[in-house]
Amino acid sequence: MQLARVIGNVVSTIKNPTLTGRKLMVIQILNGDLKPTGRPLVAVDSVGAGVGELVFWCRGKEASFPFEGSDVPTDCTIVGIVDSDAHVKNIGIK
């Protein structure tokens, strides 16, 4: 899992039927100092995250694990919400 900030959402008029009812969010990857790194990604939201929230995300095969039992075609998924930025700074995640 890695840290990211939700910076927007995606409005899709046509999408794979298995994504119906699921939010697509734009996330900005962050380093351990909560500074942006890399390019933004589109992620499927599995936890109800909103714009501005600090989140955990994963990609690859693990990205489909929150949707076990369905065939959600995702390579990038938001899997957790961090309560506040202070939680990351206090434990020194790098």
N, C-alpha and C. Protein backbone atom coordinates (compact mmCIF):
# COMPACT_ATOMS: atom_id res chain seq x y z
N MET A 1 0.84 -1.18 0.00
CA MET A 1 0.00 0.00 0.00
C MET A 1 0.88 1.24 0.00
N GLN A 2 0.36 2.28 -0.61
CA GLN A 2 1.06 3.55 -0.68
C GLN A 2 0.09 4.67 -0.30
N LEU A 3 0.64 5.84 -0.01
CA LEU A 3 -0.18 6.99 0.33
C LEU A 3 -0.49 7.82 -0.90
N ALA A 4 -1.67 8.43 -0.90
CA ALA A 4 -2.06 9.33 -1.97
C ALA A 4 -3.09 10.31 -1.42
N ARG A 5 -3.30 11.37 -2.15
CA ARG A 5 -4.36 12.33 -1.82
C ARG A 5 -5.39 12.28 -2.94
N VAL A 6 -6.65 12.23 -2.60
CA VAL A 6 -7.71 12.27 -3.61
C VAL A 6 -7.83 13.71 -4.09
N ILE A 7 -7.63 13.91 -5.39
CA ILE A 7 -7.65 15.27 -5.93
C ILE A 7 -8.81 15.52 -6.88
N GLY A 8 -9.63 14.52 -7.11
CA GLY A 8 -10.78 14.74 -7.99
C GLY A 8 -11.54 13.46 -8.22
N ASN A 9 -12.63 13.59 -8.94
CA ASN A 9 -13.38 12.39 -9.29
C ASN A 9 -13.58 12.36 -10.79
N VAL A 10 -13.97 11.21 -11.28
CA VAL A 10 -14.16 11.01 -12.71
C VAL A 10 -15.64 10.77 -12.96
N VAL A 11 -16.18 11.51 -13.90
CA VAL A 11 -17.56 11.27 -14.32
C VAL A 11 -17.50 10.50 -15.62
N SER A 12 -18.09 9.33 -15.62
CA SER A 12 -18.05 8.47 -16.80
C SER A 12 -19.46 8.18 -17.26
N THR A 13 -19.73 8.47 -18.51
CA THR A 13 -21.07 8.19 -19.03
C THR A 13 -21.18 6.77 -19.54
N ILE A 14 -20.05 6.17 -19.85
CA ILE A 14 -20.04 4.77 -20.28
C ILE A 14 -18.91 4.08 -19.55
N LYS A 15 -19.22 2.96 -18.92
CA LYS A 15 -18.16 2.19 -18.28
C LYS A 15 -18.54 0.72 -18.23
N ASN A 16 -17.56 -0.10 -17.93
CA ASN A 16 -17.78 -1.54 -17.82
C ASN A 16 -18.92 -1.79 -16.84
N PRO A 17 -19.86 -2.68 -17.16
CA PRO A 17 -21.01 -2.93 -16.27
C PRO A 17 -20.60 -3.33 -14.85
N THR A 18 -19.45 -3.95 -14.67
CA THR A 18 -19.04 -4.34 -13.31
C THR A 18 -18.59 -3.15 -12.48
N LEU A 19 -18.42 -1.99 -13.12
CA LEU A 19 -18.05 -0.77 -12.39
C LEU A 19 -19.27 0.08 -12.05
N THR A 20 -20.44 -0.36 -12.44
CA THR A 20 -21.66 0.39 -12.14
C THR A 20 -21.81 0.56 -10.63
N GLY A 21 -22.03 1.79 -10.21
CA GLY A 21 -22.20 2.08 -8.79
C GLY A 21 -20.89 2.29 -8.04
N ARG A 22 -19.79 2.17 -8.71
CA ARG A 22 -18.48 2.36 -8.05
C ARG A 22 -17.91 3.71 -8.49
N LYS A 23 -17.31 4.42 -7.50
CA LYS A 23 -16.73 5.73 -7.78
C LYS A 23 -15.32 5.57 -8.35
N LEU A 24 -15.02 6.39 -9.34
CA LEU A 24 -13.67 6.49 -9.87
C LEU A 24 -13.09 7.81 -9.40
N MET A 25 -11.94 7.76 -8.74
CA MET A 25 -11.34 8.95 -8.16
C MET A 25 -9.96 9.19 -8.76
N VAL A 26 -9.57 10.45 -8.85
CA VAL A 26 -8.21 10.81 -9.29
C VAL A 26 -7.38 10.98 -8.03
N ILE A 27 -6.26 10.26 -7.96
CA ILE A 27 -5.39 10.34 -6.78
C ILE A 27 -4.01 10.83 -7.18
N GLN A 28 -3.39 11.57 -6.27
CA GLN A 28 -2.00 12.02 -6.45
C GLN A 28 -1.14 11.23 -5.47
N ILE A 29 -0.19 10.49 -5.98
CA ILE A 29 0.72 9.71 -5.13
C ILE A 29 1.56 10.66 -4.28
N LEU A 30 1.81 10.27 -3.01
CA LEU A 30 2.60 11.08 -2.09
C LEU A 30 3.78 10.27 -1.56
N ASN A 31 4.85 10.99 -1.21
CA ASN A 31 5.97 10.31 -0.55
C ASN A 31 5.75 10.37 0.97
N GLY A 32 6.72 9.91 1.74
CA GLY A 32 6.58 9.87 3.18
C GLY A 32 6.46 11.22 3.84
N ASP A 33 6.87 12.27 3.14
CA ASP A 33 6.73 13.64 3.64
C ASP A 33 5.43 14.28 3.15
N LEU A 34 4.58 13.47 2.56
CA LEU A 34 3.29 13.91 2.00
C LEU A 34 3.45 14.93 0.87
N LYS A 35 4.56 14.81 0.15
CA LYS A 35 4.79 15.65 -1.03
C LYS A 35 4.40 14.87 -2.28
N PRO A 36 3.77 15.52 -3.25
CA PRO A 36 3.37 14.84 -4.48
C PRO A 36 4.57 14.26 -5.22
N THR A 37 4.37 13.09 -5.77
CA THR A 37 5.40 12.44 -6.58
C THR A 37 4.71 11.67 -7.70
N GLY A 38 5.26 11.74 -8.87
CA GLY A 38 4.68 11.02 -10.01
C GLY A 38 3.42 11.70 -10.54
N ARG A 39 2.80 11.00 -11.46
CA ARG A 39 1.61 11.52 -12.13
C ARG A 39 0.34 11.01 -11.44
N PRO A 40 -0.73 11.78 -11.51
CA PRO A 40 -2.00 11.32 -10.93
C PRO A 40 -2.50 10.05 -11.61
N LEU A 41 -3.27 9.27 -10.86
CA LEU A 41 -3.84 8.02 -11.35
C LEU A 41 -5.35 8.02 -11.13
N VAL A 42 -6.05 7.19 -11.88
CA VAL A 42 -7.47 6.97 -11.63
C VAL A 42 -7.58 5.67 -10.86
N ALA A 43 -8.31 5.72 -9.73
CA ALA A 43 -8.47 4.54 -8.87
C ALA A 43 -9.95 4.28 -8.61
N VAL A 44 -10.29 3.01 -8.47
CA VAL A 44 -11.63 2.64 -8.04
C VAL A 44 -11.68 2.78 -6.53
N ASP A 45 -12.72 3.40 -6.02
CA ASP A 45 -12.85 3.62 -4.59
C ASP A 45 -13.61 2.46 -3.95
N SER A 46 -13.00 1.85 -2.92
CA SER A 46 -13.68 0.75 -2.23
C SER A 46 -14.10 1.12 -0.81
N VAL A 47 -13.81 2.37 -0.39
CA VAL A 47 -14.05 2.73 1.01
C VAL A 47 -14.88 4.00 1.20
N GLY A 48 -15.29 4.66 0.15
CA GLY A 48 -16.08 5.88 0.30
C GLY A 48 -15.25 7.12 0.52
N ALA A 49 -14.08 7.18 -0.08
CA ALA A 49 -13.20 8.34 0.07
C ALA A 49 -13.76 9.55 -0.68
N GLY A 50 -13.32 10.74 -0.24
CA GLY A 50 -13.75 11.97 -0.88
C GLY A 50 -12.56 12.81 -1.28
N VAL A 51 -12.83 13.83 -2.07
CA VAL A 51 -11.78 14.74 -2.53
C VAL A 51 -11.12 15.42 -1.32
N GLY A 52 -9.78 15.43 -1.33
CA GLY A 52 -9.01 16.05 -0.26
C GLY A 52 -8.54 15.07 0.79
N GLU A 53 -9.09 13.86 0.81
CA GLU A 53 -8.71 12.91 1.85
C GLU A 53 -7.39 12.22 1.53
N LEU A 54 -6.67 11.90 2.60
CA LEU A 54 -5.43 11.13 2.52
C LEU A 54 -5.82 9.66 2.55
N VAL A 55 -5.35 8.88 1.57
CA VAL A 55 -5.80 7.49 1.45
C VAL A 55 -4.63 6.53 1.23
N PHE A 56 -4.90 5.27 1.51
CA PHE A 56 -4.01 4.18 1.11
C PHE A 56 -4.56 3.62 -0.18
N TRP A 57 -3.67 3.22 -1.07
CA TRP A 57 -4.11 2.63 -2.32
C TRP A 57 -3.15 1.50 -2.68
N CYS A 58 -3.59 0.63 -3.55
CA CYS A 58 -2.72 -0.44 -4.05
C CYS A 58 -3.01 -0.64 -5.52
N ARG A 59 -2.10 -1.31 -6.17
CA ARG A 59 -2.31 -1.60 -7.58
C ARG A 59 -1.85 -3.01 -7.88
N GLY A 60 -2.11 -3.44 -9.08
CA GLY A 60 -1.79 -4.80 -9.48
C GLY A 60 -2.90 -5.76 -9.07
N LYS A 61 -2.56 -7.01 -8.91
CA LYS A 61 -3.54 -8.04 -8.58
C LYS A 61 -4.29 -7.71 -7.29
N GLU A 62 -3.59 -7.14 -6.30
CA GLU A 62 -4.20 -6.83 -5.01
C GLU A 62 -5.32 -5.79 -5.14
N ALA A 63 -5.30 -5.01 -6.20
CA ALA A 63 -6.31 -3.97 -6.39
C ALA A 63 -7.71 -4.54 -6.52
N SER A 64 -7.83 -5.78 -6.92
CA SER A 64 -9.17 -6.38 -7.07
C SER A 64 -9.64 -7.09 -5.81
N PHE A 65 -8.77 -7.26 -4.81
CA PHE A 65 -9.12 -7.99 -3.59
C PHE A 65 -10.32 -7.41 -2.84
N PRO A 66 -10.48 -6.06 -2.75
CA PRO A 66 -11.65 -5.55 -2.02
C PRO A 66 -12.98 -5.93 -2.66
N PHE A 67 -12.94 -6.34 -3.91
CA PHE A 67 -14.17 -6.65 -4.64
C PHE A 67 -14.30 -8.15 -4.87
N GLU A 68 -13.79 -8.93 -3.93
CA GLU A 68 -13.79 -10.39 -4.05
C GLU A 68 -15.20 -10.89 -4.40
N GLY A 69 -15.25 -11.81 -5.30
CA GLY A 69 -16.52 -12.36 -5.71
C GLY A 69 -17.11 -11.67 -6.92
N SER A 70 -16.49 -10.58 -7.34
CA SER A 70 -16.95 -9.90 -8.55
C SER A 70 -15.77 -9.76 -9.50
N ASP A 71 -16.06 -9.37 -10.69
CA ASP A 71 -15.01 -9.24 -11.70
C ASP A 71 -14.72 -7.78 -11.99
N VAL A 72 -14.47 -6.99 -10.98
CA VAL A 72 -14.18 -5.57 -11.18
C VAL A 72 -12.82 -5.43 -11.84
N PRO A 73 -12.79 -4.86 -13.04
CA PRO A 73 -11.53 -4.72 -13.78
C PRO A 73 -10.74 -3.50 -13.31
N THR A 74 -9.97 -3.65 -12.25
CA THR A 74 -9.21 -2.53 -11.73
C THR A 74 -7.75 -2.90 -11.54
N ASP A 75 -6.91 -1.92 -11.76
CA ASP A 75 -5.48 -2.08 -11.53
C ASP A 75 -5.01 -1.10 -10.46
N CYS A 76 -5.95 -0.30 -9.93
CA CYS A 76 -5.61 0.71 -8.93
C CYS A 76 -6.85 0.95 -8.06
N THR A 77 -6.73 0.71 -6.76
CA THR A 77 -7.90 0.80 -5.87
C THR A 77 -7.54 1.54 -4.59
N ILE A 78 -8.43 2.40 -4.13
CA ILE A 78 -8.31 3.03 -2.82
C ILE A 78 -8.82 2.02 -1.80
N VAL A 79 -7.96 1.67 -0.82
CA VAL A 79 -8.32 0.62 0.13
C VAL A 79 -8.44 1.10 1.57
N GLY A 80 -8.11 2.37 1.83
CA GLY A 80 -8.23 2.86 3.20
C GLY A 80 -8.16 4.37 3.25
N ILE A 81 -8.71 4.94 4.32
CA ILE A 81 -8.67 6.39 4.54
C ILE A 81 -7.87 6.63 5.81
N VAL A 82 -6.89 7.53 5.73
CA VAL A 82 -6.09 7.92 6.90
C VAL A 82 -6.85 9.02 7.63
N ASP A 83 -6.98 8.88 8.96
CA ASP A 83 -7.76 9.84 9.74
C ASP A 83 -7.29 11.27 9.56
N SER A 84 -5.97 11.50 9.59
CA SER A 84 -5.46 12.85 9.40
C SER A 84 -4.00 12.78 8.97
N ASP A 85 -3.50 13.86 8.41
CA ASP A 85 -2.10 13.93 8.02
C ASP A 85 -1.19 13.75 9.23
N ALA A 86 -1.62 14.21 10.39
CA ALA A 86 -0.81 14.12 11.60
C ALA A 86 -0.49 12.68 11.96
N HIS A 87 -1.38 11.75 11.65
CA HIS A 87 -1.12 10.35 11.94
C HIS A 87 0.10 9.85 11.16
N VAL A 88 0.27 10.28 9.94
CA VAL A 88 1.41 9.87 9.12
C VAL A 88 2.68 10.52 9.63
N LYS A 89 2.62 11.81 9.93
CA LYS A 89 3.80 12.52 10.38
C LYS A 89 4.26 12.03 11.74
N ASN A 90 3.32 11.63 12.62
CA ASN A 90 3.69 11.20 13.96
C ASN A 90 4.40 9.86 13.99
N ILE A 91 4.13 8.98 13.04
CA ILE A 91 4.77 7.67 13.05
C ILE A 91 5.94 7.60 12.07
N GLY A 92 6.13 8.66 11.29
CA GLY A 92 7.31 8.74 10.43
C GLY A 92 7.34 7.75 9.30
N ILE A 93 6.20 7.49 8.64
CA ILE A 93 6.18 6.60 7.48
C ILE A 93 7.06 7.19 6.38
N LYS A 94 7.93 6.40 5.83
CA LYS A 94 8.80 6.84 4.73
C LYS A 94 8.57 5.97 3.53
